[in-house]
């Protein structure tokens, strides 16, 4: 990164891998260099609590969303149903 003149970067969790621990560890160790966005499984009943727990670590600056999650079949998933109408300002 230094050789290319890049001082900071945003790390994104790999699609379909919902274990965000590696990114959290990297950001914790190199907070001045990296920020990260996490991924949660929208079809999991615990999606909202997982989202909140990753957010509360302070290691993530956002959540990675997939466009297909906005399609009609996905709108009934626990994540979308639970977040509907909530104010997420500041997340």
C-alpha atoms as a PDB file:
ATOM      1  CA  UNK A   1       0.000   0.000   0.000  1.00  0.00           C
ATOM      2  CA  UNK A   2       2.766   2.418   0.931  1.00  0.00           C
ATOM      3  CA  UNK A   3       4.566   1.840  -2.356  1.00  0.00           C
ATOM      4  CA  UNK A   4       1.377   2.741  -4.232  1.00  0.00           C
ATOM      5  CA  UNK A   5       0.798   5.847  -2.102  1.00  0.00           C
ATOM      6  CA  UNK A   6      -2.272   4.413  -0.385  1.00  0.00           C
ATOM      7  CA  UNK A   7      -2.457   5.380   3.259  1.00  0.00           C
ATOM      8  CA  UNK A   8      -5.781   3.866   4.245  1.00  0.00           C
ATOM      9  CA  UNK A   9      -8.267   1.293   2.954  1.00  0.00           C
ATOM     10  CA  UNK A  10     -11.705  -0.137   3.654  1.00  0.00           C
ATOM     11  CA  UNK A  11     -11.913  -3.912   4.050  1.00  0.00           C
ATOM     12  CA  UNK A  12     -15.081  -5.754   3.010  1.00  0.00           C
ATOM     13  CA  UNK A  13     -16.177  -9.138   4.282  1.00  0.00           C
ATOM     14  CA  UNK A  14     -16.215 -11.868   1.626  1.00  0.00           C
ATOM     15  CA  UNK A  15     -19.685 -12.676   0.316  1.00  0.00           C
ATOM     16  CA  UNK A  16     -21.474 -15.567   1.989  1.00  0.00           C
ATOM     17  CA  UNK A  17     -18.936 -15.630   4.824  1.00  0.00           C
ATOM     18  CA  UNK A  18     -20.562 -14.183   7.912  1.00  0.00           C
ATOM     19  CA  UNK A  19     -17.636 -14.647  10.292  1.00  0.00           C
ATOM     20  CA  UNK A  20     -16.299 -11.111  10.628  1.00  0.00           C
ATOM     21  CA  UNK A  21     -13.698 -11.857  13.321  1.00  0.00           C
ATOM     22  CA  UNK A  22     -10.679 -11.630  11.025  1.00  0.00           C
ATOM     23  CA  UNK A  23     -11.642  -8.143   9.851  1.00  0.00           C
ATOM     24  CA  UNK A  24     -12.317  -7.065  13.433  1.00  0.00           C
ATOM     25  CA  UNK A  25      -8.862  -8.292  14.452  1.00  0.00           C
ATOM     26  CA  UNK A  26      -7.143  -6.496  11.560  1.00  0.00           C
ATOM     27  CA  UNK A  27      -8.915  -3.218  12.289  1.00  0.00           C
ATOM     28  CA  UNK A  28      -8.164  -3.535  16.005  1.00  0.00           C
ATOM     29  CA  UNK A  29      -4.474  -3.990  15.241  1.00  0.00           C
ATOM     30  CA  UNK A  30      -4.214  -1.383  12.453  1.00  0.00           C
ATOM     31  CA  UNK A  31      -6.992   1.098  13.248  1.00  0.00           C
ATOM     32  CA  UNK A  32      -5.157   4.059  11.701  1.00  0.00           C
ATOM     33  CA  UNK A  33      -4.766   2.195   8.411  1.00  0.00           C
ATOM     34  CA  UNK A  34      -7.985   0.194   7.957  1.00  0.00           C
ATOM     35  CA  UNK A  35     -11.722   0.522   8.365  1.00  0.00           C
ATOM     36  CA  UNK A  36     -14.096  -2.357   7.633  1.00  0.00           C
ATOM     37  CA  UNK A  37     -17.664  -3.241   6.726  1.00  0.00           C
ATOM     38  CA  UNK A  38     -19.235  -6.466   7.944  1.00  0.00           C
ATOM     39  CA  UNK A  39     -21.738  -8.915   6.541  1.00  0.00           C
ATOM     40  CA  UNK A  40     -24.621 -10.602   8.353  1.00  0.00           C
ATOM     41  CA  UNK A  41     -26.900 -13.383   7.148  1.00  0.00           C
ATOM     42  CA  UNK A  42     -30.268 -11.685   6.553  1.00  0.00           C
ATOM     43  CA  UNK A  43     -32.068 -15.017   6.710  1.00  0.00           C
ATOM     44  CA  UNK A  44     -30.909 -15.816  10.248  1.00  0.00           C
ATOM     45  CA  UNK A  45     -33.307 -15.227  13.146  1.00  0.00           C
ATOM     46  CA  UNK A  46     -30.451 -13.642  15.116  1.00  0.00           C
ATOM     47  CA  UNK A  47     -29.480 -11.248  12.268  1.00  0.00           C
ATOM     48  CA  UNK A  48     -30.360  -8.062  14.154  1.00  0.00           C
ATOM     49  CA  UNK A  49     -28.559  -9.050  17.363  1.00  0.00           C
ATOM     50  CA  UNK A  50     -25.500 -10.058  15.309  1.00  0.00           C
ATOM     51  CA  UNK A  51     -25.622  -6.720  13.481  1.00  0.00           C
ATOM     52  CA  UNK A  52     -25.797  -4.837  16.763  1.00  0.00           C
ATOM     53  CA  UNK A  53     -22.967  -6.828  18.351  1.00  0.00           C
ATOM     54  CA  UNK A  54     -20.584  -6.240  15.420  1.00  0.00           C
ATOM     55  CA  UNK A  55     -21.498  -2.566  15.384  1.00  0.00           C
ATOM     56  CA  UNK A  56     -20.841  -2.251  19.127  1.00  0.00           C
ATOM     57  CA  UNK A  57     -17.257  -3.502  18.734  1.00  0.00           C
ATOM     58  CA  UNK A  58     -16.363  -0.141  17.194  1.00  0.00           C
ATOM     59  CA  UNK A  59     -14.261  -1.894  14.550  1.00  0.00           C
ATOM     60  CA  UNK A  60     -16.742  -1.506  11.707  1.00  0.00           C
ATOM     61  CA  UNK A  61     -17.952   1.562   9.844  1.00  0.00           C
ATOM     62  CA  UNK A  62     -20.767  -0.065   7.886  1.00  0.00           C
ATOM     63  CA  UNK A  63     -22.601  -3.160   6.749  1.00  0.00           C
ATOM     64  CA  UNK A  64     -22.270  -4.779   3.347  1.00  0.00           C
ATOM     65  CA  UNK A  65     -25.644  -5.190   1.670  1.00  0.00           C
ATOM     66  CA  UNK A  66     -26.476  -7.184  -1.422  1.00  0.00           C
ATOM     67  CA  UNK A  67     -28.865  -5.819  -4.029  1.00  0.00           C
ATOM     68  CA  UNK A  68     -30.721  -9.124  -4.173  1.00  0.00           C
ATOM     69  CA  UNK A  69     -31.758  -8.604  -0.549  1.00  0.00           C
ATOM     70  CA  UNK A  70     -34.085  -5.857  -1.775  1.00  0.00           C
ATOM     71  CA  UNK A  71     -35.984  -8.234  -4.058  1.00  0.00           C
ATOM     72  CA  UNK A  72     -39.468  -9.315  -3.028  1.00  0.00           C
ATOM     73  CA  UNK A  73     -38.573 -12.776  -1.611  1.00  0.00           C
ATOM     74  CA  UNK A  74     -35.853 -11.283   0.554  1.00  0.00           C
ATOM     75  CA  UNK A  75     -38.042  -8.541   2.037  1.00  0.00           C
ATOM     76  CA  UNK A  76     -39.528 -11.048   4.445  1.00  0.00           C
ATOM     77  CA  UNK A  77     -36.156 -12.031   5.910  1.00  0.00           C
ATOM     78  CA  UNK A  78     -35.633 -11.391   9.642  1.00  0.00           C
ATOM     79  CA  UNK A  79     -33.066  -8.625   9.070  1.00  0.00           C
ATOM     80  CA  UNK A  80     -35.307  -6.561   6.815  1.00  0.00           C
ATOM     81  CA  UNK A  81     -38.411  -7.121   8.934  1.00  0.00           C
ATOM     82  CA  UNK A  82     -36.623  -6.147  12.140  1.00  0.00           C
ATOM     83  CA  UNK A  83     -34.971  -3.020  10.754  1.00  0.00           C
ATOM     84  CA  UNK A  84     -38.035  -1.672   8.958  1.00  0.00           C
ATOM     85  CA  UNK A  85     -38.867   1.757  10.336  1.00  0.00           C
ATOM     86  CA  UNK A  86     -35.859   1.991  12.660  1.00  0.00           C
ATOM     87  CA  UNK A  87     -33.606   5.030  12.707  1.00  0.00           C
ATOM     88  CA  UNK A  88     -30.083   3.860  11.856  1.00  0.00           C
ATOM     89  CA  UNK A  89     -28.561   7.337  11.779  1.00  0.00           C
ATOM     90  CA  UNK A  90     -25.042   7.199  13.121  1.00  0.00           C
ATOM     91  CA  UNK A  91     -24.504   3.547  12.307  1.00  0.00           C
END
